[in-house]
């Protein structure tokens, strides 16, 4: 098995490895959601998503409530949502989603990580054209008539369904994210995760040693408290 295959299988565990880092990231997602749509999750699908992801990460309910209260208060931190683009080693395109209260600090740190890896931080639009932004929902595959459900969810923007292990992964255009979230709720289907992700239109195949170099950069980026998510064009297939 190649290193890319191992990386693909282990990625979900690495992302949640540090509990403190995880709760920090979710807290910032909640802050951004409250800032953009208010404190009522019934009318704020992004906040519902953040609360759901907090639950999946075993974040205590009291922490979630405190994060919402803090985000709505007069002393709320002014986080900005900024996406940075660049190239990692061996020409792999990388998108970095951040939530920062100090963009000067964030861009300086990201530039350092890219430079030290042999890559380079780019300008807006330099690599984002290589990705499509999608809504990605994971639900338990068992217990559903997927042929029937697929037809019913097309009206909510469903584009594709893939099956991974015990999960069904549903893809929508990012503009249909809220509609799909609502459609699943109305059908009583609870998603184990719901995210907006940047999906590469063309993946780049690397050898094992090259994969290792890209992984080191991705890991370093994800360790930064300002970073929410990292997306790339490295081929993660077996």
C-alpha atoms as a PDB file:
ATOM      1  CA  UNK A   1       0.000   0.000   0.000  1.00  0.00           C
ATOM      2  CA  UNK A   2       1.235   3.484  -0.827  1.00  0.00           C
ATOM      3  CA  UNK A   3       1.644   6.261   1.683  1.00  0.00           C
ATOM      4  CA  UNK A   4      -1.194   8.212   0.052  1.00  0.00           C
ATOM      5  CA  UNK A   5      -3.589   5.364   0.832  1.00  0.00           C
ATOM      6  CA  UNK A   6      -2.487   5.266   4.472  1.00  0.00           C
ATOM      7  CA  UNK A   7      -2.802   9.051   4.687  1.00  0.00           C
ATOM      8  CA  UNK A   8      -6.332   8.946   3.269  1.00  0.00           C
ATOM      9  CA  UNK A   9      -7.437   6.332   5.819  1.00  0.00           C
ATOM     10  CA  UNK A  10      -5.820   8.094   8.779  1.00  0.00           C
ATOM     11  CA  UNK A  11      -6.800  11.674   7.910  1.00  0.00           C
ATOM     12  CA  UNK A  12     -10.070  11.787   9.802  1.00  0.00           C
ATOM     13  CA  UNK A  13      -8.321  10.671  12.987  1.00  0.00           C
ATOM     14  CA  UNK A  14      -5.460  13.171  12.656  1.00  0.00           C
ATOM     15  CA  UNK A  15      -7.876  16.048  12.221  1.00  0.00           C
ATOM     16  CA  UNK A  16      -9.430  15.356  15.616  1.00  0.00           C
ATOM     17  CA  UNK A  17      -6.228  14.290  17.382  1.00  0.00           C
ATOM     18  CA  UNK A  18      -5.916  17.341  19.647  1.00  0.00           C
ATOM     19  CA  UNK A  19      -9.049  17.951  21.734  1.00  0.00           C
ATOM     20  CA  UNK A  20      -8.073  21.526  22.583  1.00  0.00           C
ATOM     21  CA  UNK A  21      -7.419  22.314  18.920  1.00  0.00           C
ATOM     22  CA  UNK A  22     -10.719  20.737  17.898  1.00  0.00           C
ATOM     23  CA  UNK A  23     -12.758  22.750  20.380  1.00  0.00           C
ATOM     24  CA  UNK A  24     -10.948  25.944  19.369  1.00  0.00           C
ATOM     25  CA  UNK A  25     -11.791  25.312  15.719  1.00  0.00           C
ATOM     26  CA  UNK A  26     -15.448  24.558  16.434  1.00  0.00           C
ATOM     27  CA  UNK A  27     -15.691  27.609  18.677  1.00  0.00           C
ATOM     28  CA  UNK A  28     -14.540  29.777  15.800  1.00  0.00           C
ATOM     29  CA  UNK A  29     -16.992  28.084  13.438  1.00  0.00           C
ATOM     30  CA  UNK A  30     -19.765  28.911  15.911  1.00  0.00           C
ATOM     31  CA  UNK A  31     -18.559  32.520  16.161  1.00  0.00           C
ATOM     32  CA  UNK A  32     -18.606  32.909  12.375  1.00  0.00           C
ATOM     33  CA  UNK A  33     -22.049  31.308  12.171  1.00  0.00           C
ATOM     34  CA  UNK A  34     -23.514  33.607  14.835  1.00  0.00           C
ATOM     35  CA  UNK A  35     -21.931  36.637  13.199  1.00  0.00           C
ATOM     36  CA  UNK A  36     -23.449  35.782   9.818  1.00  0.00           C
ATOM     37  CA  UNK A  37     -26.871  34.482  10.841  1.00  0.00           C
ATOM     38  CA  UNK A  38     -27.715  35.079  14.496  1.00  0.00           C
ATOM     39  CA  UNK A  39     -28.012  32.875  17.583  1.00  0.00           C
ATOM     40  CA  UNK A  40     -31.136  30.877  16.711  1.00  0.00           C
ATOM     41  CA  UNK A  41     -30.151  27.597  15.012  1.00  0.00           C
ATOM     42  CA  UNK A  42     -33.721  27.152  13.759  1.00  0.00           C
ATOM     43  CA  UNK A  43     -33.119  30.058  11.382  1.00  0.00           C
ATOM     44  CA  UNK A  44     -29.366  29.681  10.961  1.00  0.00           C
ATOM     45  CA  UNK A  45     -28.372  26.500   9.066  1.00  0.00           C
ATOM     46  CA  UNK A  46     -24.693  27.305   9.447  1.00  0.00           C
ATOM     47  CA  UNK A  47     -25.054  27.407  13.216  1.00  0.00           C
ATOM     48  CA  UNK A  48     -27.002  24.140  13.141  1.00  0.00           C
ATOM     49  CA  UNK A  49     -24.119  22.629  11.190  1.00  0.00           C
ATOM     50  CA  UNK A  50     -21.563  23.893  13.707  1.00  0.00           C
ATOM     51  CA  UNK A  51     -23.600  22.559  16.646  1.00  0.00           C
ATOM     52  CA  UNK A  52     -23.957  19.219  14.897  1.00  0.00           C
ATOM     53  CA  UNK A  53     -20.223  19.023  14.265  1.00  0.00           C
ATOM     54  CA  UNK A  54     -19.590  19.921  17.907  1.00  0.00           C
ATOM     55  CA  UNK A  55     -21.796  17.022  18.938  1.00  0.00           C
ATOM     56  CA  UNK A  56     -19.892  14.668  16.631  1.00  0.00           C
ATOM     57  CA  UNK A  57     -16.634  15.810  18.252  1.00  0.00           C
ATOM     58  CA  UNK A  58     -18.064  15.148  21.743  1.00  0.00           C
ATOM     59  CA  UNK A  59     -17.843  18.815  22.643  1.00  0.00           C
ATOM     60  CA  UNK A  60     -19.803  19.337  25.879  1.00  0.00           C
ATOM     61  CA  UNK A  61     -23.166  21.045  25.496  1.00  0.00           C
ATOM     62  CA  UNK A  62     -22.124  23.700  28.020  1.00  0.00           C
ATOM     63  CA  UNK A  63     -19.103  24.575  25.843  1.00  0.00           C
ATOM     64  CA  UNK A  64     -21.343  24.989  22.816  1.00  0.00           C
ATOM     65  CA  UNK A  65     -23.801  27.201  24.722  1.00  0.00           C
ATOM     66  CA  UNK A  66     -20.961  29.317  26.094  1.00  0.00           C
ATOM     67  CA  UNK A  67     -19.459  29.703  22.616  1.00  0.00           C
ATOM     68  CA  UNK A  68     -22.804  30.936  21.233  1.00  0.00           C
ATOM     69  CA  UNK A  69     -23.283  33.339  24.149  1.00  0.00           C
ATOM     70  CA  UNK A  70     -19.739  34.657  23.784  1.00  0.00           C
ATOM     71  CA  UNK A  71     -20.143  35.143  20.022  1.00  0.00           C
ATOM     72  CA  UNK A  72     -23.334  37.164  20.582  1.00  0.00           C
ATOM     73  CA  UNK A  73     -21.937  39.311  23.393  1.00  0.00           C
ATOM     74  CA  UNK A  74     -20.499  42.793  23.220  1.00  0.00           C
ATOM     75  CA  UNK A  75     -17.008  41.443  23.890  1.00  0.00           C
ATOM     76  CA  UNK A  76     -17.154  38.923  21.042  1.00  0.00           C
ATOM     77  CA  UNK A  77     -13.913  38.401  19.170  1.00  0.00           C
ATOM     78  CA  UNK A  78     -14.043  39.777  15.649  1.00  0.00           C
ATOM     79  CA  UNK A  79     -13.068  36.753  13.606  1.00  0.00           C
ATOM     80  CA  UNK A  80     -12.761  37.149   9.850  1.00  0.00           C
ATOM     81  CA  UNK A  81     -13.199  34.317   7.390  1.00  0.00           C
ATOM     82  CA  UNK A  82     -10.280  34.314   4.950  1.00  0.00           C
ATOM     83  CA  UNK A  83      -9.287  31.695   2.362  1.00  0.00           C
ATOM     84  CA  UNK A  84      -5.615  31.550   1.382  1.00  0.00           C
ATOM     85  CA  UNK A  85      -4.263  29.839  -1.714  1.00  0.00           C
ATOM     86  CA  UNK A  86      -0.887  28.475  -2.655  1.00  0.00           C
ATOM     87  CA  UNK A  87       1.233  25.662  -3.992  1.00  0.00           C
ATOM     88  CA  UNK A  88       2.836  23.022  -1.824  1.00  0.00           C
ATOM     89  CA  UNK A  89       5.743  20.782  -2.789  1.00  0.00           C
ATOM     90  CA  UNK A  90       5.601  19.183  -6.256  1.00  0.00           C
ATOM     91  CA  UNK A  91       2.982  21.588  -7.550  1.00  0.00           C
ATOM     92  CA  UNK A  92       0.122  20.440  -5.303  1.00  0.00           C
ATOM     93  CA  UNK A  93      -2.511  23.189  -5.081  1.00  0.00           C
ATOM     94  CA  UNK A  94      -3.659  23.995  -1.543  1.00  0.00           C
ATOM     95  CA  UNK A  95      -6.589  26.009  -0.167  1.00  0.00           C
ATOM     96  CA  UNK A  96      -6.532  27.044   3.494  1.00  0.00           C
ATOM     97  CA  UNK A  97      -9.726  28.185   5.220  1.00  0.00           C
ATOM     98  CA  UNK A  98      -9.070  30.364   8.263  1.00  0.00           C
ATOM     99  CA  UNK A  99     -10.945  32.236  10.966  1.00  0.00           C
ATOM    100  CA  UNK A 100      -8.674  34.965  12.265  1.00  0.00           C
ATOM    101  CA  UNK A 101      -8.772  38.068  14.418  1.00  0.00           C
ATOM    102  CA  UNK A 102      -5.380  39.122  13.035  1.00  0.00           C
ATOM    103  CA  UNK A 103      -4.938  38.553   9.272  1.00  0.00           C
ATOM    104  CA  UNK A 104      -1.428  40.041   9.376  1.00  0.00           C
ATOM    105  CA  UNK A 105      -0.323  37.340  11.798  1.00  0.00           C
ATOM    106  CA  UNK A 106      -2.136  34.609   9.903  1.00  0.00           C
ATOM    107  CA  UNK A 107      -0.726  35.389   6.469  1.00  0.00           C
ATOM    108  CA  UNK A 108       2.793  35.706   7.901  1.00  0.00           C
ATOM    109  CA  UNK A 109       2.528  32.291   9.522  1.00  0.00           C
ATOM    110  CA  UNK A 110       1.078  30.641   6.420  1.00  0.00           C
ATOM    111  CA  UNK A 111       3.743  32.149   4.188  1.00  0.00           C
ATOM    112  CA  UNK A 112       6.416  30.758   6.511  1.00  0.00           C
ATOM    113  CA  UNK A 113       4.889  27.265   6.404  1.00  0.00           C
ATOM    114  CA  UNK A 114       4.689  27.289   2.610  1.00  0.00           C
ATOM    115  CA  UNK A 115       8.199  28.678   2.181  1.00  0.00           C
ATOM    116  CA  UNK A 116       9.779  26.161   4.528  1.00  0.00           C
ATOM    117  CA  UNK A 117       8.102  23.299   2.657  1.00  0.00           C
ATOM    118  CA  UNK A 118       9.432  24.432  -0.707  1.00  0.00           C
ATOM    119  CA  UNK A 119       6.046  25.774  -1.733  1.00  0.00           C
ATOM    120  CA  UNK A 120       4.704  29.298  -2.073  1.00  0.00           C
ATOM    121  CA  UNK A 121       1.690  31.223  -0.841  1.00  0.00           C
ATOM    122  CA  UNK A 122      -0.197  32.664  -3.818  1.00  0.00           C
ATOM    123  CA  UNK A 123      -2.747  35.381  -4.460  1.00  0.00           C
ATOM    124  CA  UNK A 124      -6.516  35.084  -4.469  1.00  0.00           C
ATOM    125  CA  UNK A 125      -7.648  33.047  -7.466  1.00  0.00           C
ATOM    126  CA  UNK A 126      -4.277  31.442  -8.082  1.00  0.00           C
ATOM    127  CA  UNK A 127      -5.490  27.883  -7.380  1.00  0.00           C
ATOM    128  CA  UNK A 128      -9.181  28.084  -6.425  1.00  0.00           C
ATOM    129  CA  UNK A 129     -10.171  27.546 -10.072  1.00  0.00           C
ATOM    130  CA  UNK A 130      -8.918  23.952  -9.635  1.00  0.00           C
ATOM    131  CA  UNK A 131     -11.639  23.242  -7.056  1.00  0.00           C
ATOM    132  CA  UNK A 132     -15.420  23.143  -6.881  1.00  0.00           C
ATOM    133  CA  UNK A 133     -17.066  24.128  -3.621  1.00  0.00           C
ATOM    134  CA  UNK A 134     -19.570  21.507  -2.524  1.00  0.00           C
ATOM    135  CA  UNK A 135     -21.846  20.722   0.363  1.00  0.00           C
ATOM    136  CA  UNK A 136     -20.861  17.317   1.744  1.00  0.00           C
ATOM    137  CA  UNK A 137     -23.167  15.373   4.072  1.00  0.00           C
ATOM    138  CA  UNK A 138     -22.403  12.010   5.668  1.00  0.00           C
ATOM    139  CA  UNK A 139     -25.248   9.823   6.886  1.00  0.00           C
ATOM    140  CA  UNK A 140     -25.509   6.198   7.903  1.00  0.00           C
ATOM    141  CA  UNK A 141     -26.192   4.154   4.782  1.00  0.00           C
ATOM    142  CA  UNK A 142     -28.136   1.439   6.548  1.00  0.00           C
ATOM    143  CA  UNK A 143     -31.875   1.729   6.909  1.00  0.00           C
ATOM    144  CA  UNK A 144     -32.673   3.793   3.822  1.00  0.00           C
ATOM    145  CA  UNK A 145     -34.042   3.038   0.367  1.00  0.00           C
ATOM    146  CA  UNK A 146     -31.393   4.976  -1.515  1.00  0.00           C
ATOM    147  CA  UNK A 147     -32.991   4.701  -4.939  1.00  0.00           C
ATOM    148  CA  UNK A 148     -36.158   6.324  -3.642  1.00  0.00           C
ATOM    149  CA  UNK A 149     -34.330   8.782  -1.408  1.00  0.00           C
ATOM    150  CA  UNK A 150     -32.049   9.894  -4.227  1.00  0.00           C
ATOM    151  CA  UNK A 151     -35.075  10.890  -6.318  1.00  0.00           C
ATOM    152  CA  UNK A 152     -36.614  12.759  -3.388  1.00  0.00           C
ATOM    153  CA  UNK A 153     -33.420  14.690  -2.611  1.00  0.00           C
ATOM    154  CA  UNK A 154     -32.774  15.872  -6.154  1.00  0.00           C
ATOM    155  CA  UNK A 155     -35.168  18.761  -5.552  1.00  0.00           C
ATOM    156  CA  UNK A 156     -32.951  19.799  -2.605  1.00  0.00           C
ATOM    157  CA  UNK A 157     -29.913  19.968  -4.871  1.00  0.00           C
ATOM    158  CA  UNK A 158     -28.477  16.461  -4.595  1.00  0.00           C
ATOM    159  CA  UNK A 159     -25.810  15.962  -7.275  1.00  0.00           C
ATOM    160  CA  UNK A 160     -24.168  12.675  -6.336  1.00  0.00           C
ATOM    161  CA  UNK A 161     -24.095   9.918  -3.715  1.00  0.00           C
ATOM    162  CA  UNK A 162     -20.997   7.883  -2.866  1.00  0.00           C
ATOM    163  CA  UNK A 163     -20.808   5.029  -0.397  1.00  0.00           C
ATOM    164  CA  UNK A 164     -17.829   4.798   1.966  1.00  0.00           C
ATOM    165  CA  UNK A 165     -17.717   2.002   4.528  1.00  0.00           C
ATOM    166  CA  UNK A 166     -20.965   2.368   6.497  1.00  0.00           C
ATOM    167  CA  UNK A 167     -21.712   5.915   5.311  1.00  0.00           C
ATOM    168  CA  UNK A 168     -23.492   7.449   2.373  1.00  0.00           C
ATOM    169  CA  UNK A 169     -21.845  10.701   1.286  1.00  0.00           C
ATOM    170  CA  UNK A 170     -24.164  13.228  -0.361  1.00  0.00           C
ATOM    171  CA  UNK A 171     -22.851  16.053  -2.535  1.00  0.00           C
ATOM    172  CA  UNK A 172     -24.602  19.307  -3.440  1.00  0.00           C
ATOM    173  CA  UNK A 173     -23.557  22.619  -4.907  1.00  0.00           C
ATOM    174  CA  UNK A 174     -22.569  24.960  -2.076  1.00  0.00           C
ATOM    175  CA  UNK A 175     -25.574  27.178  -2.848  1.00  0.00           C
ATOM    176  CA  UNK A 176     -27.879  24.235  -2.050  1.00  0.00           C
ATOM    177  CA  UNK A 177     -26.254  23.454   1.301  1.00  0.00           C
ATOM    178  CA  UNK A 178     -29.083  24.949   3.363  1.00  0.00           C
ATOM    179  CA  UNK A 179     -31.778  23.302   1.252  1.00  0.00           C
ATOM    180  CA  UNK A 180     -30.205  19.867   1.653  1.00  0.00           C
ATOM    181  CA  UNK A 181     -29.742  20.378   5.384  1.00  0.00           C
ATOM    182  CA  UNK A 182     -33.427  21.246   5.701  1.00  0.00           C
ATOM    183  CA  UNK A 183     -34.545  18.341   3.499  1.00  0.00           C
ATOM    184  CA  UNK A 184     -32.634  15.809   5.601  1.00  0.00           C
ATOM    185  CA  UNK A 185     -34.064  17.258   8.814  1.00  0.00           C
ATOM    186  CA  UNK A 186     -37.612  17.079   7.427  1.00  0.00           C
ATOM    187  CA  UNK A 187     -37.081  13.396   6.620  1.00  0.00           C
ATOM    188  CA  UNK A 188     -35.698  12.728  10.086  1.00  0.00           C
ATOM    189  CA  UNK A 189     -32.263  11.857   8.734  1.00  0.00           C
ATOM    190  CA  UNK A 190     -29.412  12.980  10.976  1.00  0.00           C
ATOM    191  CA  UNK A 191     -26.116  13.651   9.246  1.00  0.00           C
ATOM    192  CA  UNK A 192     -23.020  12.593  11.176  1.00  0.00           C
ATOM    193  CA  UNK A 193     -21.207  15.508   9.542  1.00  0.00           C
ATOM    194  CA  UNK A 194     -22.137  18.385   7.263  1.00  0.00           C
ATOM    195  CA  UNK A 195     -19.454  20.536   5.689  1.00  0.00           C
ATOM    196  CA  UNK A 196     -18.736  22.912   2.857  1.00  0.00           C
ATOM    197  CA  UNK A 197     -15.646  21.499   1.162  1.00  0.00           C
ATOM    198  CA  UNK A 198     -13.411  22.403  -1.758  1.00  0.00           C
ATOM    199  CA  UNK A 199     -13.296  19.352  -4.055  1.00  0.00           C
ATOM    200  CA  UNK A 200     -10.417  19.234  -6.581  1.00  0.00           C
ATOM    201  CA  UNK A 201     -11.417  18.911 -10.223  1.00  0.00           C
ATOM    202  CA  UNK A 202      -8.185  17.085 -11.040  1.00  0.00           C
ATOM    203  CA  UNK A 203      -5.968  15.261  -8.552  1.00  0.00           C
ATOM    204  CA  UNK A 204      -2.196  14.958  -8.877  1.00  0.00           C
ATOM    205  CA  UNK A 205      -0.516  11.572  -8.368  1.00  0.00           C
ATOM    206  CA  UNK A 206       2.711  11.579  -6.358  1.00  0.00           C
ATOM    207  CA  UNK A 207       5.142   8.932  -5.226  1.00  0.00           C
ATOM    208  CA  UNK A 208       5.437   8.033  -1.543  1.00  0.00           C
ATOM    209  CA  UNK A 209       8.353  10.334  -0.719  1.00  0.00           C
ATOM    210  CA  UNK A 210       6.615  13.262  -2.422  1.00  0.00           C
ATOM    211  CA  UNK A 211       3.392  12.510  -0.538  1.00  0.00           C
ATOM    212  CA  UNK A 212       5.338  12.641   2.743  1.00  0.00           C
ATOM    213  CA  UNK A 213       6.567  16.156   1.969  1.00  0.00           C
ATOM    214  CA  UNK A 214       3.066  17.423   1.200  1.00  0.00           C
ATOM    215  CA  UNK A 215       1.685  15.746   4.328  1.00  0.00           C
ATOM    216  CA  UNK A 216       4.235  17.575   6.488  1.00  0.00           C
ATOM    217  CA  UNK A 217       3.022  20.912   5.131  1.00  0.00           C
ATOM    218  CA  UNK A 218      -0.660  20.015   5.589  1.00  0.00           C
ATOM    219  CA  UNK A 219      -0.041  18.858   9.154  1.00  0.00           C
ATOM    220  CA  UNK A 220       1.798  22.083   9.971  1.00  0.00           C
ATOM    221  CA  UNK A 221      -1.002  24.183   8.510  1.00  0.00           C
ATOM    222  CA  UNK A 222      -3.654  22.296  10.470  1.00  0.00           C
ATOM    223  CA  UNK A 223      -1.742  22.796  13.715  1.00  0.00           C
ATOM    224  CA  UNK A 224      -2.162  26.567  13.425  1.00  0.00           C
ATOM    225  CA  UNK A 225      -5.036  27.820  15.610  1.00  0.00           C
ATOM    226  CA  UNK A 226      -6.246  30.188  12.884  1.00  0.00           C
ATOM    227  CA  UNK A 227      -6.728  27.359  10.374  1.00  0.00           C
ATOM    228  CA  UNK A 228     -10.139  25.715  10.053  1.00  0.00           C
ATOM    229  CA  UNK A 229      -9.657  23.417   7.071  1.00  0.00           C
ATOM    230  CA  UNK A 230      -7.052  22.529   4.452  1.00  0.00           C
ATOM    231  CA  UNK A 231      -7.913  21.221   0.981  1.00  0.00           C
ATOM    232  CA  UNK A 232      -5.496  20.032  -1.695  1.00  0.00           C
ATOM    233  CA  UNK A 233      -5.199  18.428  -5.138  1.00  0.00           C
ATOM    234  CA  UNK A 234      -3.048  15.479  -4.097  1.00  0.00           C
ATOM    235  CA  UNK A 235      -4.447  12.157  -5.335  1.00  0.00           C
ATOM    236  CA  UNK A 236      -5.524  10.205  -2.249  1.00  0.00           C
ATOM    237  CA  UNK A 237      -6.669   7.054  -4.038  1.00  0.00           C
ATOM    238  CA  UNK A 238      -4.997   3.736  -3.444  1.00  0.00           C
END
